[in-house]
Amino acid sequence: MTRRKKTRSLADKVQIRTGKRKDFKKWRHENPDQVTSTTRFTQKKRQQRKLQAARRMARQEQGQPIAIHPERAGDDTPERKDD
């Protein structure tokens, strides 16, 4: 097996990469039923979402309750003045 010569030019690499990426995007668009995430990725994301939700709940419980409309706290029906 022969070794490839190292090159400093990025032009060749970019052309090859975009060509492959275009081909893959086209294939993925044509075959949506065959494209799925790996189980490891989905498990990782599910775990991250659980952690995020737990942290959010902890922050909500830590915070102070704020009375947004304290003057209307007991009123269910707002008063209308028709003069």
PDB file of N, CA and C in Angstrom:
ATOM      1  N   MET A   1       0.846  -1.179   0.000  1.00  0.00           N
ATOM      2  CA  MET A   1       0.000   0.000   0.000  1.00  0.00           C
ATOM      3  C   MET A   1       0.893   1.245   0.000  1.00  0.00           C
ATOM      4  N   THR A   2       0.576   2.177  -0.865  1.00  0.00           N
ATOM      5  CA  THR A   2       1.411   3.371  -0.967  1.00  0.00           C
ATOM      6  C   THR A   2       0.874   4.464  -0.064  1.00  0.00           C
ATOM      7  N   ARG A   3       1.772   5.287   0.403  1.00  0.00           N
ATOM      8  CA  ARG A   3       1.359   6.401   1.251  1.00  0.00           C
ATOM      9  C   ARG A   3       1.016   7.587   0.387  1.00  0.00           C
ATOM     10  N   ARG A   4       0.023   8.344   0.830  1.00  0.00           N
ATOM     11  CA  ARG A   4      -0.350   9.551   0.097  1.00  0.00           C
ATOM     12  C   ARG A   4       0.544  10.702   0.518  1.00  0.00           C
ATOM     13  N   LYS A   5       0.875  11.532  -0.438  1.00  0.00           N
ATOM     14  CA  LYS A   5       1.722  12.688  -0.157  1.00  0.00           C
ATOM     15  C   LYS A   5       0.937  13.713   0.645  1.00  0.00           C
ATOM     16  N   LYS A   6       1.548  14.245   1.679  1.00  0.00           N
ATOM     17  CA  LYS A   6       0.899  15.273   2.482  1.00  0.00           C
ATOM     18  C   LYS A   6       0.835  16.566   1.681  1.00  0.00           C
ATOM     19  N   THR A   7      -0.266  17.278   1.811  1.00  0.00           N
ATOM     20  CA  THR A   7      -0.401  18.531   1.089  1.00  0.00           C
ATOM     21  C   THR A   7      -0.876  19.617   2.041  1.00  0.00           C
ATOM     22  N   ARG A   8      -0.450  20.823   1.783  1.00  0.00           N
ATOM     23  CA  ARG A   8      -0.894  21.929   2.614  1.00  0.00           C
ATOM     24  C   ARG A   8      -2.112  22.608   2.014  1.00  0.00           C
ATOM     25  N   SER A   9      -2.429  22.269   0.791  1.00  0.00           N
ATOM     26  CA  SER A   9      -3.528  22.926   0.110  1.00  0.00           C
ATOM     27  C   SER A   9      -4.859  22.359   0.601  1.00  0.00           C
ATOM     28  N   LEU A  10      -5.758  23.237   0.959  1.00  0.00           N
ATOM     29  CA  LEU A  10      -7.076  22.806   1.423  1.00  0.00           C
ATOM     30  C   LEU A  10      -8.073  22.674   0.279  1.00  0.00           C
ATOM     31  N   ALA A  11      -7.740  23.198  -0.886  1.00  0.00           N
ATOM     32  CA  ALA A  11      -8.689  23.219  -1.998  1.00  0.00           C
ATOM     33  C   ALA A  11      -9.123  21.810  -2.386  1.00  0.00           C
ATOM     34  N   ASP A  12      -8.175  20.885  -2.513  1.00  0.00           N
ATOM     35  CA  ASP A  12      -8.523  19.522  -2.910  1.00  0.00           C
ATOM     36  C   ASP A  12      -9.417  18.862  -1.867  1.00  0.00           C
ATOM     37  N   LYS A  13      -9.079  19.039  -0.616  1.00  0.00           N
ATOM     38  CA  LYS A  13      -9.848  18.418   0.457  1.00  0.00           C
ATOM     39  C   LYS A  13     -11.277  18.941   0.479  1.00  0.00           C
ATOM     40  N   VAL A  14     -11.416  20.240   0.307  1.00  0.00           N
ATOM     41  CA  VAL A  14     -12.748  20.847   0.366  1.00  0.00           C
ATOM     42  C   VAL A  14     -13.615  20.348  -0.775  1.00  0.00           C
ATOM     43  N   GLN A  15     -13.055  20.260  -1.987  1.00  0.00           N
ATOM     44  CA  GLN A  15     -13.833  19.770  -3.126  1.00  0.00           C
ATOM     45  C   GLN A  15     -14.307  18.349  -2.884  1.00  0.00           C
ATOM     46  N   ILE A  16     -13.419  17.518  -2.411  1.00  0.00           N
ATOM     47  CA  ILE A  16     -13.782  16.118  -2.159  1.00  0.00           C
ATOM     48  C   ILE A  16     -14.857  16.067  -1.086  1.00  0.00           C
ATOM     49  N   ARG A  17     -14.664  16.810  -0.008  1.00  0.00           N
ATOM     50  CA  ARG A  17     -15.615  16.768   1.099  1.00  0.00           C
ATOM     51  C   ARG A  17     -17.008  17.235   0.688  1.00  0.00           C
ATOM     52  N   THR A  18     -17.080  18.364   0.002  1.00  0.00           N
ATOM     53  CA  THR A  18     -18.398  18.870  -0.366  1.00  0.00           C
ATOM     54  C   THR A  18     -19.082  17.920  -1.330  1.00  0.00           C
ATOM     55  N   GLY A  19     -18.310  17.277  -2.212  1.00  0.00           N
ATOM     56  CA  GLY A  19     -18.899  16.298  -3.116  1.00  0.00           C
ATOM     57  C   GLY A  19     -19.517  15.157  -2.344  1.00  0.00           C
ATOM     58  N   LYS A  20     -18.800  14.644  -1.369  1.00  0.00           N
ATOM     59  CA  LYS A  20     -19.331  13.550  -0.565  1.00  0.00           C
ATOM     60  C   LYS A  20     -20.550  14.004   0.227  1.00  0.00           C
ATOM     61  N   ARG A  21     -20.456  15.201   0.759  1.00  0.00           N
ATOM     62  CA  ARG A  21     -21.556  15.708   1.568  1.00  0.00           C
ATOM     63  C   ARG A  21     -22.806  15.890   0.699  1.00  0.00           C
ATOM     64  N   LYS A  22     -22.614  16.407  -0.512  1.00  0.00           N
ATOM     65  CA  LYS A  22     -23.752  16.582  -1.413  1.00  0.00           C
ATOM     66  C   LYS A  22     -24.386  15.241  -1.749  1.00  0.00           C
ATOM     67  N   ASP A  23     -23.548  14.266  -2.027  1.00  0.00           N
ATOM     68  CA  ASP A  23     -24.071  12.938  -2.361  1.00  0.00           C
ATOM     69  C   ASP A  23     -24.859  12.368  -1.191  1.00  0.00           C
ATOM     70  N   PHE A  24     -24.318  12.516   0.002  1.00  0.00           N
ATOM     71  CA  PHE A  24     -25.002  11.973   1.177  1.00  0.00           C
ATOM     72  C   PHE A  24     -26.307  12.701   1.433  1.00  0.00           C
ATOM     73  N   LYS A  25     -26.298  14.029   1.282  1.00  0.00           N
ATOM     74  CA  LYS A  25     -27.533  14.800   1.483  1.00  0.00           C
ATOM     75  C   LYS A  25     -28.598  14.370   0.485  1.00  0.00           C
ATOM     76  N   LYS A  26     -28.186  14.154  -0.750  1.00  0.00           N
ATOM     77  CA  LYS A  26     -29.133  13.718  -1.780  1.00  0.00           C
ATOM     78  C   LYS A  26     -29.697  12.340  -1.436  1.00  0.00           C
ATOM     79  N   TRP A  27     -28.801  11.412  -1.056  1.00  0.00           N
ATOM     80  CA  TRP A  27     -29.249  10.069  -0.705  1.00  0.00           C
ATOM     81  C   TRP A  27     -30.184  10.106   0.497  1.00  0.00           C
ATOM     82  N   ARG A  28     -29.832  10.920   1.504  1.00  0.00           N
ATOM     83  CA  ARG A  28     -30.650  11.016   2.710  1.00  0.00           C
ATOM     84  C   ARG A  28     -32.029  11.586   2.395  1.00  0.00           C
ATOM     85  N   HIS A  29     -32.056  12.543   1.462  1.00  0.00           N
ATOM     86  CA  HIS A  29     -33.339  13.130   1.057  1.00  0.00           C
ATOM     87  C   HIS A  29     -34.195  12.114   0.300  1.00  0.00           C
ATOM     88  N   GLU A  30     -33.558  11.281  -0.512  1.00  0.00           N
ATOM     89  CA  GLU A  30     -34.289  10.294  -1.298  1.00  0.00           C
ATOM     90  C   GLU A  30     -34.718   9.084  -0.480  1.00  0.00           C
ATOM     91  N   ASN A  31     -34.003   8.775   0.596  1.00  0.00           N
ATOM     92  CA  ASN A  31     -34.299   7.596   1.415  1.00  0.00           C
ATOM     93  C   ASN A  31     -34.508   7.967   2.882  1.00  0.00           C
ATOM     94  N   PRO A  32     -35.592   8.664   3.211  1.00  0.00           N
ATOM     95  CA  PRO A  32     -35.768   9.082   4.608  1.00  0.00           C
ATOM     96  C   PRO A  32     -36.070   7.916   5.550  1.00  0.00           C
ATOM     97  N   ASP A  33     -36.605   6.818   5.013  1.00  0.00           N
ATOM     98  CA  ASP A  33     -36.941   5.693   5.879  1.00  0.00           C
ATOM     99  C   ASP A  33     -35.705   4.927   6.343  1.00  0.00           C
ATOM    100  N   GLN A  34     -34.598   5.046   5.634  1.00  0.00           N
ATOM    101  CA  GLN A  34     -33.381   4.322   6.007  1.00  0.00           C
ATOM    102  C   GLN A  34     -32.483   5.132   6.936  1.00  0.00           C
ATOM    103  N   VAL A  35     -32.793   6.401   7.142  1.00  0.00           N
ATOM    104  CA  VAL A  35     -31.955   7.271   7.958  1.00  0.00           C
ATOM    105  C   VAL A  35     -32.507   7.292   9.379  1.00  0.00           C
ATOM    106  N   THR A  36     -31.742   6.781  10.320  1.00  0.00           N
ATOM    107  CA  THR A  36     -32.143   6.804  11.729  1.00  0.00           C
ATOM    108  C   THR A  36     -30.937   7.150  12.578  1.00  0.00           C
ATOM    109  N   SER A  37     -31.198   7.705  13.737  1.00  0.00           N
ATOM    110  CA  SER A  37     -30.125   7.997  14.677  1.00  0.00           C
ATOM    111  C   SER A  37     -29.690   6.707  15.353  1.00  0.00           C
ATOM    112  N   THR A  38     -28.454   6.685  15.808  1.00  0.00           N
ATOM    113  CA  THR A  38     -27.960   5.512  16.512  1.00  0.00           C
ATOM    114  C   THR A  38     -28.614   5.439  17.886  1.00  0.00           C
ATOM    115  N   THR A  39     -28.714   4.237  18.418  1.00  0.00           N
ATOM    116  CA  THR A  39     -29.340   4.077  19.734  1.00  0.00           C
ATOM    117  C   THR A  39     -28.517   4.788  20.807  1.00  0.00           C
ATOM    118  N   ARG A  40     -27.193   4.776  20.649  1.00  0.00           N
ATOM    119  CA  ARG A  40     -26.340   5.441  21.634  1.00  0.00           C
ATOM    120  C   ARG A  40     -26.626   6.945  21.667  1.00  0.00           C
ATOM    121  N   PHE A  41     -26.796   7.540  20.486  1.00  0.00           N
ATOM    122  CA  PHE A  41     -27.081   8.974  20.398  1.00  0.00           C
ATOM    123  C   PHE A  41     -28.436   9.293  21.022  1.00  0.00           C
ATOM    124  N   THR A  42     -29.462   8.496  20.705  1.00  0.00           N
ATOM    125  CA  THR A  42     -30.797   8.768  21.249  1.00  0.00           C
ATOM    126  C   THR A  42     -30.811   8.589  22.764  1.00  0.00           C
ATOM    127  N   GLN A  43     -30.099   7.584  23.271  1.00  0.00           N
ATOM    128  CA  GLN A  43     -30.024   7.396  24.721  1.00  0.00           C
ATOM    129  C   GLN A  43     -29.311   8.568  25.384  1.00  0.00           C
ATOM    130  N   LYS A  44     -28.240   9.035  24.753  1.00  0.00           N
ATOM    131  CA  LYS A  44     -27.481  10.164  25.295  1.00  0.00           C
ATOM    132  C   LYS A  44     -28.363  11.410  25.357  1.00  0.00           C
ATOM    133  N   LYS A  45     -29.099  11.672  24.274  1.00  0.00           N
ATOM    134  CA  LYS A  45     -29.960  12.853  24.247  1.00  0.00           C
ATOM    135  C   LYS A  45     -31.092  12.731  25.262  1.00  0.00           C
ATOM    136  N   ARG A  46     -31.665  11.555  25.407  1.00  0.00           N
ATOM    137  CA  ARG A  46     -32.735  11.349  26.384  1.00  0.00           C
ATOM    138  C   ARG A  46     -32.228  11.625  27.792  1.00  0.00           C
ATOM    139  N   GLN A  47     -31.007  11.144  28.083  1.00  0.00           N
ATOM    140  CA  GLN A  47     -30.407  11.379  29.401  1.00  0.00           C
ATOM    141  C   GLN A  47     -30.150  12.867  29.618  1.00  0.00           C
ATOM    142  N   GLN A  48     -29.664  13.554  28.579  1.00  0.00           N
ATOM    143  CA  GLN A  48     -29.409  14.986  28.700  1.00  0.00           C
ATOM    144  C   GLN A  48     -30.694  15.752  28.977  1.00  0.00           C
ATOM    145  N   ARG A  49     -31.772  15.355  28.315  1.00  0.00           N
ATOM    146  CA  ARG A  49     -33.049  16.044  28.524  1.00  0.00           C
ATOM    147  C   ARG A  49     -33.564  15.812  29.940  1.00  0.00           C
ATOM    148  N   LYS A  50     -33.376  14.599  30.456  1.00  0.00           N
ATOM    149  CA  LYS A  50     -33.794  14.312  31.834  1.00  0.00           C
ATOM    150  C   LYS A  50     -33.019  15.188  32.819  1.00  0.00           C
ATOM    151  N   LEU A  51     -31.703  15.272  32.623  1.00  0.00           N
ATOM    152  CA  LEU A  51     -30.880  16.103  33.497  1.00  0.00           C
ATOM    153  C   LEU A  51     -31.284  17.565  33.407  1.00  0.00           C
ATOM    154  N   GLN A  52     -31.548  18.025  32.194  1.00  0.00           N
ATOM    155  CA  GLN A  52     -31.940  19.417  32.007  1.00  0.00           C
ATOM    156  C   GLN A  52     -33.257  19.703  32.718  1.00  0.00           C
ATOM    157  N   ALA A  53     -34.212  18.782  32.618  1.00  0.00           N
ATOM    158  CA  ALA A  53     -35.501  18.968  33.274  1.00  0.00           C
ATOM    159  C   ALA A  53     -35.336  18.970  34.794  1.00  0.00           C
ATOM    160  N   ALA A  54     -34.492  18.082  35.306  1.00  0.00           N
ATOM    161  CA  ALA A  54     -34.271  18.024  36.747  1.00  0.00           C
ATOM    162  C   ALA A  54     -33.641  19.325  37.253  1.00  0.00           C
ATOM    163  N   ARG A  55     -32.669  19.829  36.515  1.00  0.00           N
ATOM    164  CA  ARG A  55     -32.033  21.093  36.912  1.00  0.00           C
ATOM    165  C   ARG A  55     -33.025  22.242  36.866  1.00  0.00           C
ATOM    166  N   ARG A  56     -33.857  22.231  35.858  1.00  0.00           N
ATOM    167  CA  ARG A  56     -34.855  23.302  35.735  1.00  0.00           C
ATOM    168  C   ARG A  56     -35.844  23.260  36.898  1.00  0.00           C
ATOM    169  N   MET A  57     -36.303  22.067  37.252  1.00  0.00           N
ATOM    170  CA  MET A  57     -37.226  21.940  38.379  1.00  0.00           C
ATOM    171  C   MET A  57     -36.557  22.387  39.679  1.00  0.00           C
ATOM    172  N   ALA A  58     -35.281  22.036  39.855  1.00  0.00           N
ATOM    173  CA  ALA A  58     -34.560  22.449  41.062  1.00  0.00           C
ATOM    174  C   ALA A  58     -34.449  23.976  41.127  1.00  0.00           C
ATOM    175  N   ARG A  59     -34.162  24.611  39.992  1.00  0.00           N
ATOM    176  CA  ARG A  59     -34.088  26.075  39.969  1.00  0.00           C
ATOM    177  C   ARG A  59     -35.431  26.702  40.293  1.00  0.00           C
ATOM    178  N   GLN A  60     -36.511  26.112  39.763  1.00  0.00           N
ATOM    179  CA  GLN A  60     -37.836  26.665  40.028  1.00  0.00           C
ATOM    180  C   GLN A  60     -38.197  26.551  41.501  1.00  0.00           C
ATOM    181  N   GLU A  61     -37.829  25.434  42.129  1.00  0.00           N
ATOM    182  CA  GLU A  61     -38.142  25.245  43.549  1.00  0.00           C
ATOM    183  C   GLU A  61     -37.296  26.161  44.430  1.00  0.00           C
ATOM    184  N   GLN A  62     -36.071  26.466  43.982  1.00  0.00           N
ATOM    185  CA  GLN A  62     -35.189  27.331  44.759  1.00  0.00           C
ATOM    186  C   GLN A  62     -35.626  28.784  44.724  1.00  0.00           C
ATOM    187  N   GLY A  63     -36.196  29.211  43.639  1.00  0.00           N
ATOM    188  CA  GLY A  63     -36.519  30.617  43.456  1.00  0.00           C
ATOM    189  C   GLY A  63     -37.633  31.096  44.372  1.00  0.00           C
ATOM    190  N   GLN A  64     -37.723  32.411  44.502  1.00  0.00           N
ATOM    191  CA  GLN A  64     -38.760  33.000  45.338  1.00  0.00           C
ATOM    192  C   GLN A  64     -40.036  33.178  44.526  1.00  0.00           C
ATOM    193  N   PRO A  65     -41.175  32.923  45.141  1.00  0.00           N
ATOM    194  CA  PRO A  65     -42.425  33.154  44.417  1.00  0.00           C
ATOM    195  C   PRO A  65     -42.667  34.655  44.247  1.00  0.00           C
ATOM    196  N   ILE A  66     -43.139  35.020  43.093  1.00  0.00           N
ATOM    197  CA  ILE A  66     -43.370  36.432  42.788  1.00  0.00           C
ATOM    198  C   ILE A  66     -44.864  36.652  42.607  1.00  0.00           C
ATOM    199  N   ALA A  67     -45.407  37.641  43.311  1.00  0.00           N
ATOM    200  CA  ALA A  67     -46.815  37.990  43.148  1.00  0.00           C
ATOM    201  C   ALA A  67     -46.923  38.925  41.952  1.00  0.00           C
ATOM    202  N   ILE A  68     -47.405  38.404  40.841  1.00  0.00           N
ATOM    203  CA  ILE A  68     -47.460  39.212  39.623  1.00  0.00           C
ATOM    204  C   ILE A  68     -48.578  40.246  39.710  1.00  0.00           C
ATOM    205  N   HIS A  69     -49.770  39.827  40.133  1.00  0.00           N
ATOM    206  CA  HIS A  69     -50.910  40.738  40.300  1.00  0.00           C
ATOM    207  C   HIS A  69     -51.421  40.612  41.737  1.00  0.00           C
ATOM    208  N   PRO A  70     -50.737  41.219  42.701  1.00  0.00           N
ATOM    209  CA  PRO A  70     -51.141  41.034  44.093  1.00  0.00           C
ATOM    210  C   PRO A  70     -52.499  41.645  44.418  1.00  0.00           C
ATOM    211  N   GLU A  71     -52.903  42.715  43.740  1.00  0.00           N
ATOM    212  CA  GLU A  71     -54.182  43.343  44.064  1.00  0.00           C
ATOM    213  C   GLU A  71     -55.360  42.500  43.585  1.00  0.00           C
ATOM    214  N   ARG A  72     -55.131  41.618  42.628  1.00  0.00           N
ATOM    215  CA  ARG A  72     -56.230  40.783  42.119  1.00  0.00           C
ATOM    216  C   ARG A  72     -56.066  39.332  42.542  1.00  0.00           C
ATOM    217  N   ALA A  73     -55.388  39.088  43.630  1.00  0.00           N
ATOM    218  CA  ALA A  73     -55.101  37.716  44.045  1.00  0.00           C
ATOM    219  C   ALA A  73     -56.365  36.945  44.403  1.00  0.00           C
ATOM    220  N   GLY A  74     -57.326  37.581  45.087  1.00  0.00           N
ATOM    221  CA  GLY A  74     -58.528  36.889  45.522  1.00  0.00           C
ATOM    222  C   GLY A  74     -59.687  37.004  44.550  1.00  0.00           C
ATOM    223  N   ASP A  75     -59.609  37.929  43.608  1.00  0.00           N
ATOM    224  CA  ASP A  75     -60.713  38.153  42.672  1.00  0.00           C
ATOM    225  C   ASP A  75     -60.620  37.209  41.489  1.00  0.00           C
ATOM    226  N   ASP A  76     -61.738  36.506  41.244  1.00  0.00           N
ATOM    227  CA  ASP A  76     -61.793  35.665  40.061  1.00  0.00           C
ATOM    228  C   ASP A  76     -62.337  36.440  38.873  1.00  0.00           C
ATOM    229  N   THR A  77     -63.221  37.406  39.156  1.00  0.00           N
ATOM    230  CA  THR A  77     -63.812  38.184  38.080  1.00  0.00           C
ATOM    231  C   THR A  77     -63.357  39.634  38.199  1.00  0.00           C
ATOM    232  N   PRO A  78     -62.804  40.172  37.148  1.00  0.00           N
ATOM    233  CA  PRO A  78     -62.350  41.574  37.225  1.00  0.00           C
ATOM    234  C   PRO A  78     -63.578  42.506  37.176  1.00  0.00           C
ATOM    235  N   GLU A  79     -63.478  43.592  37.914  1.00  0.00           N
ATOM    236  CA  GLU A  79     -64.589  44.542  37.963  1.00  0.00           C
ATOM    237  C   GLU A  79     -64.598  45.423  36.731  1.00  0.00           C
ATOM    238  N   ARG A  80     -65.772  45.641  36.162  1.00  0.00           N
ATOM    239  CA  ARG A  80     -65.904  46.534  35.017  1.00  0.00           C
ATOM    240  C   ARG A  80     -66.710  47.756  35.436  1.00  0.00           C
ATOM    241  N   LYS A  81     -66.227  48.873  35.031  1.00  0.00           N
ATOM    242  CA  LYS A  81     -66.946  50.106  35.338  1.00  0.00           C
ATOM    243  C   LYS A  81     -67.546  50.630  34.056  1.00  0.00           C
ATOM    244  N   ASP A  82     -68.852  50.509  33.928  1.00  0.00           N
ATOM    245  CA  ASP A  82     -69.553  51.026  32.745  1.00  0.00           C
ATOM    246  C   ASP A  82     -70.270  52.295  33.128  1.00  0.00           C
ATOM    247  N   ASP A  83     -69.686  53.440  32.881  1.00  0.00           N
ATOM    248  CA  ASP A  83     -70.327  54.715  33.212  1.00  0.00           C
ATOM    249  C   ASP A  83     -70.816  55.392  31.978  1.00  0.00           C
TER     250      ASP A  83
END
